[in-house]
N, C-alpha and C. Protein backbone atom coordinates (compact mmCIF):
# COMPACT_ATOMS: atom_id res chain seq x y z
N MET A 1 0.85 -1.17 0.00
CA MET A 1 0.00 0.00 0.00
C MET A 1 0.89 1.24 0.00
N ALA A 2 0.55 2.25 -0.77
CA ALA A 2 1.34 3.47 -0.88
C ALA A 2 1.38 4.19 0.47
N ALA A 3 2.51 4.83 0.74
CA ALA A 3 2.65 5.57 1.98
C ALA A 3 1.60 6.67 2.06
N GLY A 4 1.00 6.82 3.23
CA GLY A 4 0.00 7.87 3.41
C GLY A 4 -1.40 7.45 2.99
N LYS A 5 -1.54 6.30 2.34
CA LYS A 5 -2.87 5.84 1.92
C LYS A 5 -3.36 4.80 2.91
N ARG A 6 -4.56 5.04 3.43
CA ARG A 6 -5.19 4.08 4.32
C ARG A 6 -6.30 3.37 3.58
N ARG A 7 -6.39 2.11 3.80
CA ARG A 7 -7.48 1.36 3.20
C ARG A 7 -8.72 1.57 4.06
N GLU A 8 -9.77 2.07 3.46
CA GLU A 8 -10.99 2.34 4.21
C GLU A 8 -11.70 1.03 4.56
N ARG A 9 -12.19 0.97 5.76
CA ARG A 9 -12.85 -0.24 6.24
C ARG A 9 -14.28 -0.34 5.71
N MET A 10 -14.81 -1.55 5.83
CA MET A 10 -16.19 -1.80 5.44
C MET A 10 -17.13 -1.30 6.53
N ALA A 11 -18.34 -1.00 6.15
CA ALA A 11 -19.33 -0.39 7.04
C ALA A 11 -19.92 -1.40 8.02
N THR A 12 -20.42 -0.85 9.13
CA THR A 12 -21.08 -1.62 10.18
C THR A 12 -22.42 -0.95 10.51
N TRP A 13 -23.22 -1.61 11.35
CA TRP A 13 -24.47 -1.00 11.81
C TRP A 13 -24.20 0.28 12.58
N ASN A 14 -23.10 0.32 13.31
CA ASN A 14 -22.74 1.53 14.04
C ASN A 14 -22.53 2.70 13.06
N ASP A 15 -21.91 2.42 11.92
CA ASP A 15 -21.71 3.46 10.90
C ASP A 15 -23.04 3.93 10.34
N VAL A 16 -23.94 2.99 10.07
CA VAL A 16 -25.27 3.36 9.55
C VAL A 16 -25.93 4.32 10.52
N SER A 17 -25.96 3.95 11.78
CA SER A 17 -26.62 4.76 12.79
C SER A 17 -25.96 6.14 12.92
N LYS A 18 -24.66 6.16 12.98
CA LYS A 18 -23.91 7.42 13.14
C LYS A 18 -24.16 8.36 11.95
N ILE A 19 -24.09 7.82 10.74
CA ILE A 19 -24.27 8.64 9.53
C ILE A 19 -25.71 9.15 9.45
N ALA A 20 -26.68 8.26 9.65
CA ALA A 20 -28.08 8.64 9.53
C ALA A 20 -28.47 9.66 10.60
N LEU A 21 -28.08 9.41 11.84
CA LEU A 21 -28.48 10.31 12.93
C LEU A 21 -27.80 11.68 12.86
N ALA A 22 -26.74 11.79 12.07
CA ALA A 22 -26.08 13.09 11.89
C ALA A 22 -26.87 14.00 10.94
N LEU A 23 -27.82 13.44 10.22
CA LEU A 23 -28.64 14.23 9.29
C LEU A 23 -29.80 14.87 10.04
N PRO A 24 -30.21 16.07 9.63
CA PRO A 24 -31.29 16.78 10.32
C PRO A 24 -32.62 16.02 10.33
N GLY A 25 -33.27 16.04 11.49
CA GLY A 25 -34.61 15.50 11.61
C GLY A 25 -34.72 13.99 11.67
N VAL A 26 -33.60 13.30 11.80
CA VAL A 26 -33.61 11.84 11.75
C VAL A 26 -33.83 11.25 13.14
N VAL A 27 -34.67 10.22 13.17
CA VAL A 27 -34.88 9.44 14.38
C VAL A 27 -34.66 7.97 14.04
N GLU A 28 -34.23 7.21 15.04
CA GLU A 28 -34.07 5.77 14.90
C GLU A 28 -35.23 5.12 15.64
N GLU A 29 -35.95 4.24 14.94
CA GLU A 29 -37.14 3.61 15.53
C GLU A 29 -37.20 2.15 15.12
N PRO A 30 -37.95 1.35 15.88
CA PRO A 30 -38.19 -0.03 15.45
C PRO A 30 -38.98 -0.05 14.14
N TRP A 31 -38.75 -1.06 13.33
CA TRP A 31 -39.37 -1.16 12.01
C TRP A 31 -40.10 -2.49 11.91
N GLY A 32 -41.34 -2.46 11.57
CA GLY A 32 -42.10 -3.67 11.27
C GLY A 32 -42.30 -4.61 12.44
N GLN A 33 -42.80 -5.78 12.12
CA GLN A 33 -43.13 -6.78 13.12
C GLN A 33 -41.91 -7.37 13.81
N LEU A 34 -40.78 -7.38 13.12
CA LEU A 34 -39.57 -7.95 13.71
C LEU A 34 -38.88 -6.99 14.67
N GLY A 35 -39.26 -5.73 14.63
CA GLY A 35 -38.65 -4.75 15.51
C GLY A 35 -37.22 -4.41 15.14
N THR A 36 -36.87 -4.61 13.87
CA THR A 36 -35.54 -4.23 13.41
C THR A 36 -35.43 -2.71 13.40
N LYS A 37 -34.24 -2.18 13.22
CA LYS A 37 -34.03 -0.73 13.27
C LYS A 37 -34.34 -0.08 11.93
N ALA A 38 -34.85 1.14 12.04
CA ALA A 38 -35.08 1.98 10.85
C ALA A 38 -34.73 3.40 11.21
N TRP A 39 -34.26 4.13 10.21
CA TRP A 39 -33.95 5.54 10.38
C TRP A 39 -34.93 6.30 9.50
N LYS A 40 -35.62 7.29 10.13
CA LYS A 40 -36.70 7.99 9.46
C LYS A 40 -36.49 9.50 9.55
N VAL A 41 -37.01 10.18 8.54
CA VAL A 41 -37.08 11.64 8.55
C VAL A 41 -38.52 11.99 8.22
N ALA A 42 -39.12 12.86 9.01
CA ALA A 42 -40.53 13.24 8.83
C ALA A 42 -41.42 12.00 8.75
N LYS A 43 -41.14 11.03 9.60
CA LYS A 43 -41.91 9.78 9.72
C LYS A 43 -41.80 8.88 8.50
N LYS A 44 -40.84 9.15 7.61
CA LYS A 44 -40.64 8.35 6.41
C LYS A 44 -39.31 7.62 6.51
N GLY A 45 -39.37 6.30 6.39
CA GLY A 45 -38.15 5.51 6.42
C GLY A 45 -37.29 5.76 5.19
N PHE A 46 -35.99 5.88 5.41
CA PHE A 46 -35.09 6.03 4.26
C PHE A 46 -33.98 4.99 4.27
N VAL A 47 -33.61 4.46 5.42
CA VAL A 47 -32.74 3.29 5.51
C VAL A 47 -33.24 2.41 6.66
N TRP A 48 -33.10 1.10 6.51
CA TRP A 48 -33.61 0.19 7.52
C TRP A 48 -32.87 -1.14 7.46
N GLU A 49 -32.86 -1.78 8.61
CA GLU A 49 -32.31 -3.13 8.73
C GLU A 49 -33.27 -4.06 8.00
N ARG A 50 -32.75 -4.90 7.09
CA ARG A 50 -33.65 -5.71 6.27
C ARG A 50 -33.15 -7.15 6.13
N PRO A 51 -33.38 -7.97 7.18
CA PRO A 51 -33.00 -9.38 7.04
C PRO A 51 -33.76 -10.01 5.87
N LEU A 52 -33.12 -10.97 5.21
CA LEU A 52 -33.79 -11.64 4.11
C LEU A 52 -34.88 -12.55 4.65
N ARG A 53 -36.01 -12.55 3.95
CA ARG A 53 -37.15 -13.38 4.32
C ARG A 53 -37.07 -14.71 3.57
N LYS A 54 -37.92 -15.64 3.94
CA LYS A 54 -37.95 -16.94 3.26
C LYS A 54 -38.17 -16.77 1.76
N SER A 55 -39.08 -15.86 1.39
CA SER A 55 -39.36 -15.64 -0.03
C SER A 55 -38.14 -15.05 -0.75
N ASP A 56 -37.39 -14.20 -0.06
CA ASP A 56 -36.16 -13.64 -0.65
C ASP A 56 -35.14 -14.74 -0.87
N LEU A 57 -34.96 -15.58 0.15
CA LEU A 57 -33.99 -16.68 0.06
C LEU A 57 -34.36 -17.64 -1.07
N ALA A 58 -35.66 -17.91 -1.22
CA ALA A 58 -36.11 -18.79 -2.29
C ALA A 58 -35.84 -18.16 -3.65
N ALA A 59 -36.09 -16.87 -3.78
CA ALA A 59 -35.89 -16.19 -5.06
C ALA A 59 -34.41 -16.07 -5.41
N LEU A 60 -33.57 -15.82 -4.42
CA LEU A 60 -32.14 -15.64 -4.68
C LEU A 60 -31.38 -16.95 -4.77
N GLY A 61 -31.91 -17.99 -4.16
CA GLY A 61 -31.27 -19.31 -4.20
C GLY A 61 -29.85 -19.26 -3.66
N ALA A 62 -28.94 -19.88 -4.37
CA ALA A 62 -27.54 -19.97 -3.93
C ALA A 62 -26.85 -18.61 -3.91
N LYS A 63 -27.42 -17.63 -4.60
CA LYS A 63 -26.83 -16.28 -4.63
C LYS A 63 -27.23 -15.43 -3.43
N ALA A 64 -28.06 -15.99 -2.55
CA ALA A 64 -28.52 -15.24 -1.38
C ALA A 64 -27.33 -14.89 -0.49
N PRO A 65 -27.15 -13.59 -0.20
CA PRO A 65 -26.03 -13.20 0.65
C PRO A 65 -26.28 -13.54 2.11
N THR A 66 -25.21 -13.67 2.84
CA THR A 66 -25.30 -13.83 4.28
C THR A 66 -24.79 -12.54 4.90
N GLY A 67 -25.07 -12.36 6.15
CA GLY A 67 -24.59 -11.15 6.82
C GLY A 67 -25.64 -10.07 6.85
N ALA A 68 -25.22 -8.91 7.33
CA ALA A 68 -26.11 -7.77 7.53
C ALA A 68 -26.57 -7.18 6.20
N ILE A 69 -27.88 -6.93 6.12
CA ILE A 69 -28.48 -6.35 4.91
C ILE A 69 -29.19 -5.05 5.31
N LEU A 70 -28.90 -3.99 4.56
CA LEU A 70 -29.50 -2.68 4.76
C LEU A 70 -30.44 -2.38 3.61
N GLY A 71 -31.66 -1.98 3.91
CA GLY A 71 -32.58 -1.49 2.89
C GLY A 71 -32.37 0.01 2.73
N VAL A 72 -32.35 0.48 1.49
CA VAL A 72 -32.09 1.89 1.21
C VAL A 72 -33.09 2.40 0.18
N ARG A 73 -33.78 3.45 0.54
CA ARG A 73 -34.72 4.09 -0.38
C ARG A 73 -33.92 4.85 -1.44
N THR A 74 -34.38 4.81 -2.67
CA THR A 74 -33.76 5.58 -3.74
C THR A 74 -34.73 6.67 -4.20
N ALA A 75 -34.21 7.66 -4.90
CA ALA A 75 -35.05 8.77 -5.36
C ALA A 75 -36.11 8.28 -6.33
N ASP A 76 -35.76 7.30 -7.16
CA ASP A 76 -36.69 6.79 -8.16
C ASP A 76 -36.17 5.46 -8.68
N LEU A 77 -36.90 4.87 -9.62
CA LEU A 77 -36.50 3.57 -10.16
C LEU A 77 -35.23 3.66 -11.00
N GLU A 78 -35.00 4.80 -11.62
CA GLU A 78 -33.76 4.99 -12.41
C GLU A 78 -32.54 4.95 -11.50
N MET A 79 -32.63 5.60 -10.34
CA MET A 79 -31.52 5.57 -9.38
C MET A 79 -31.31 4.15 -8.86
N LYS A 80 -32.39 3.45 -8.64
CA LYS A 80 -32.30 2.07 -8.20
C LYS A 80 -31.50 1.25 -9.21
N GLU A 81 -31.87 1.37 -10.48
CA GLU A 81 -31.18 0.62 -11.52
C GLU A 81 -29.71 1.02 -11.64
N ALA A 82 -29.43 2.31 -11.47
CA ALA A 82 -28.05 2.79 -11.53
C ALA A 82 -27.21 2.18 -10.40
N LEU A 83 -27.76 2.15 -9.20
CA LEU A 83 -27.03 1.55 -8.08
C LEU A 83 -26.81 0.06 -8.30
N LEU A 84 -27.85 -0.64 -8.75
CA LEU A 84 -27.72 -2.08 -8.99
C LEU A 84 -26.64 -2.37 -10.03
N ALA A 85 -26.56 -1.54 -11.06
CA ALA A 85 -25.56 -1.74 -12.11
C ALA A 85 -24.17 -1.32 -11.66
N SER A 86 -24.09 -0.37 -10.72
CA SER A 86 -22.80 0.20 -10.33
C SER A 86 -21.91 -0.79 -9.59
N ASP A 87 -22.48 -1.65 -8.76
CA ASP A 87 -21.66 -2.58 -7.98
C ASP A 87 -22.52 -3.75 -7.50
N PRO A 88 -22.70 -4.76 -8.35
CA PRO A 88 -23.54 -5.91 -7.97
C PRO A 88 -23.02 -6.69 -6.76
N ALA A 89 -21.77 -6.50 -6.40
CA ALA A 89 -21.24 -7.17 -5.20
C ALA A 89 -21.79 -6.51 -3.93
N VAL A 90 -22.23 -5.26 -4.05
CA VAL A 90 -22.74 -4.50 -2.91
C VAL A 90 -24.27 -4.38 -2.95
N PHE A 91 -24.80 -3.96 -4.09
CA PHE A 91 -26.23 -3.66 -4.23
C PHE A 91 -26.97 -4.80 -4.91
N PHE A 92 -28.14 -5.13 -4.39
CA PHE A 92 -28.98 -6.15 -5.01
C PHE A 92 -30.44 -5.87 -4.68
N THR A 93 -31.31 -6.69 -5.23
CA THR A 93 -32.74 -6.55 -4.96
C THR A 93 -33.38 -7.92 -4.94
N THR A 94 -34.63 -7.95 -4.58
CA THR A 94 -35.41 -9.19 -4.60
C THR A 94 -36.75 -8.87 -5.25
N PRO A 95 -37.51 -9.88 -5.64
CA PRO A 95 -38.82 -9.62 -6.23
C PRO A 95 -39.74 -8.79 -5.33
N HIS A 96 -39.54 -8.87 -4.03
CA HIS A 96 -40.35 -8.07 -3.10
C HIS A 96 -40.27 -6.58 -3.43
N PHE A 97 -39.14 -6.13 -3.95
CA PHE A 97 -38.92 -4.71 -4.24
C PHE A 97 -39.15 -4.35 -5.71
N ASP A 98 -39.69 -5.27 -6.51
CA ASP A 98 -39.99 -4.96 -7.91
C ASP A 98 -40.94 -3.77 -7.97
N GLY A 99 -40.58 -2.78 -8.77
CA GLY A 99 -41.41 -1.59 -8.95
C GLY A 99 -41.35 -0.61 -7.79
N TYR A 100 -40.48 -0.86 -6.82
CA TYR A 100 -40.36 0.01 -5.65
C TYR A 100 -38.97 0.63 -5.62
N PRO A 101 -38.86 1.93 -5.37
CA PRO A 101 -37.56 2.59 -5.41
C PRO A 101 -36.71 2.34 -4.15
N ALA A 102 -36.12 1.15 -4.11
CA ALA A 102 -35.25 0.79 -2.99
C ALA A 102 -34.30 -0.31 -3.44
N VAL A 103 -33.14 -0.35 -2.81
CA VAL A 103 -32.18 -1.42 -3.06
C VAL A 103 -31.78 -2.02 -1.72
N LEU A 104 -31.17 -3.18 -1.79
CA LEU A 104 -30.61 -3.82 -0.62
C LEU A 104 -29.10 -3.73 -0.72
N VAL A 105 -28.45 -3.57 0.43
CA VAL A 105 -27.00 -3.36 0.48
C VAL A 105 -26.38 -4.42 1.37
N ARG A 106 -25.37 -5.10 0.85
CA ARG A 106 -24.57 -6.01 1.67
C ARG A 106 -23.66 -5.13 2.53
N LEU A 107 -24.04 -4.94 3.77
CA LEU A 107 -23.35 -3.97 4.62
C LEU A 107 -21.86 -4.27 4.75
N GLY A 108 -21.49 -5.51 4.83
CA GLY A 108 -20.09 -5.87 4.97
C GLY A 108 -19.27 -5.71 3.71
N LYS A 109 -19.90 -5.30 2.61
CA LYS A 109 -19.20 -5.14 1.33
C LYS A 109 -19.09 -3.69 0.88
N ILE A 110 -19.66 -2.76 1.66
CA ILE A 110 -19.64 -1.35 1.25
C ILE A 110 -18.69 -0.57 2.16
N ARG A 111 -17.90 0.27 1.55
CA ARG A 111 -16.99 1.11 2.31
C ARG A 111 -17.77 2.26 2.96
N VAL A 112 -17.26 2.76 4.05
CA VAL A 112 -17.96 3.79 4.83
C VAL A 112 -18.27 5.03 3.98
N ALA A 113 -17.32 5.48 3.17
CA ALA A 113 -17.56 6.68 2.35
C ALA A 113 -18.70 6.46 1.36
N ALA A 114 -18.75 5.29 0.76
CA ALA A 114 -19.84 4.98 -0.18
C ALA A 114 -21.16 4.87 0.57
N LEU A 115 -21.13 4.28 1.75
CA LEU A 115 -22.34 4.19 2.56
C LEU A 115 -22.86 5.58 2.90
N ARG A 116 -21.96 6.48 3.25
CA ARG A 116 -22.35 7.86 3.57
C ARG A 116 -23.10 8.48 2.39
N ASP A 117 -22.59 8.30 1.19
CA ASP A 117 -23.23 8.86 0.00
C ASP A 117 -24.61 8.25 -0.23
N VAL A 118 -24.72 6.95 -0.07
CA VAL A 118 -25.99 6.25 -0.30
C VAL A 118 -27.03 6.70 0.73
N ILE A 119 -26.60 6.82 1.99
CA ILE A 119 -27.53 7.26 3.04
C ILE A 119 -27.97 8.70 2.81
N LEU A 120 -27.05 9.56 2.43
CA LEU A 120 -27.41 10.95 2.15
C LEU A 120 -28.41 11.03 1.01
N ASP A 121 -28.18 10.30 -0.06
CA ASP A 121 -29.11 10.30 -1.19
C ASP A 121 -30.49 9.79 -0.77
N ALA A 122 -30.51 8.75 0.07
CA ALA A 122 -31.79 8.22 0.56
C ALA A 122 -32.51 9.25 1.42
N TRP A 123 -31.76 9.93 2.27
CA TRP A 123 -32.35 10.98 3.11
C TRP A 123 -32.92 12.10 2.25
N LEU A 124 -32.17 12.52 1.25
CA LEU A 124 -32.64 13.59 0.35
C LEU A 124 -33.92 13.18 -0.39
N ALA A 125 -34.04 11.89 -0.69
CA ALA A 125 -35.24 11.39 -1.38
C ALA A 125 -36.48 11.43 -0.49
N ARG A 126 -36.29 11.43 0.83
CA ARG A 126 -37.44 11.35 1.74
C ARG A 126 -37.64 12.59 2.60
N ALA A 127 -36.63 13.40 2.75
CA ALA A 127 -36.73 14.59 3.61
C ALA A 127 -37.66 15.62 3.00
N PRO A 128 -38.37 16.38 3.84
CA PRO A 128 -39.17 17.48 3.31
C PRO A 128 -38.27 18.45 2.54
N ALA A 129 -38.79 19.03 1.48
CA ALA A 129 -38.00 19.90 0.60
C ALA A 129 -37.32 21.03 1.36
N LYS A 130 -38.01 21.64 2.30
CA LYS A 130 -37.44 22.75 3.05
C LYS A 130 -36.23 22.29 3.88
N LEU A 131 -36.35 21.14 4.53
CA LEU A 131 -35.25 20.61 5.34
C LEU A 131 -34.06 20.25 4.46
N ALA A 132 -34.32 19.64 3.31
CA ALA A 132 -33.25 19.29 2.37
C ALA A 132 -32.55 20.54 1.85
N ALA A 133 -33.33 21.58 1.54
CA ALA A 133 -32.74 22.83 1.04
C ALA A 133 -31.88 23.50 2.11
N GLU A 134 -32.34 23.50 3.35
CA GLU A 134 -31.55 24.07 4.45
C GLU A 134 -30.26 23.30 4.64
N TYR A 135 -30.33 21.98 4.55
CA TYR A 135 -29.13 21.14 4.69
C TYR A 135 -28.14 21.44 3.56
N ALA A 136 -28.65 21.53 2.34
CA ALA A 136 -27.80 21.79 1.18
C ALA A 136 -27.10 23.15 1.33
N LYS A 137 -27.85 24.13 1.80
CA LYS A 137 -27.29 25.47 1.97
C LYS A 137 -26.18 25.45 3.01
N ARG A 138 -26.41 24.80 4.15
CA ARG A 138 -25.40 24.70 5.20
C ARG A 138 -24.17 23.92 4.75
N SER A 139 -24.40 22.85 3.99
CA SER A 139 -23.30 22.00 3.55
C SER A 139 -22.41 22.66 2.52
N SER A 140 -22.97 23.58 1.74
CA SER A 140 -22.18 24.23 0.69
C SER A 140 -21.41 25.44 1.20
N SER A 141 -21.72 25.90 2.41
CA SER A 141 -21.02 27.09 2.92
C SER A 141 -19.80 26.73 3.73
């Protein structure tokens, strides 16, 4: 490795929580019947813990990943497709999400900087316009 270059580590649930909660208006709450974690802005989920279900495992077969899975809302279906094409080792989907603007992330395969970008984009897709504009203004100054 070149001198002065550090290899960035892969993301953890602690990173998800830290990144999401640093954004304005975000709360961490239980999600669904399983009580997994979700991060919401204005009562809208934008990232959430998403264990694979039996139907997901059946659909994915031998390609079903193991380990921590993060659900991430995307701005639209085009962004979903772009993420899926950008890094299939990290981003994937299941039939459950067909027609829905969200992707699944293999948490142990994404670097923290990339996770930060994905979470910010998801937050921007769900945050009220005024809150997003205020954040953008503060971030650019």
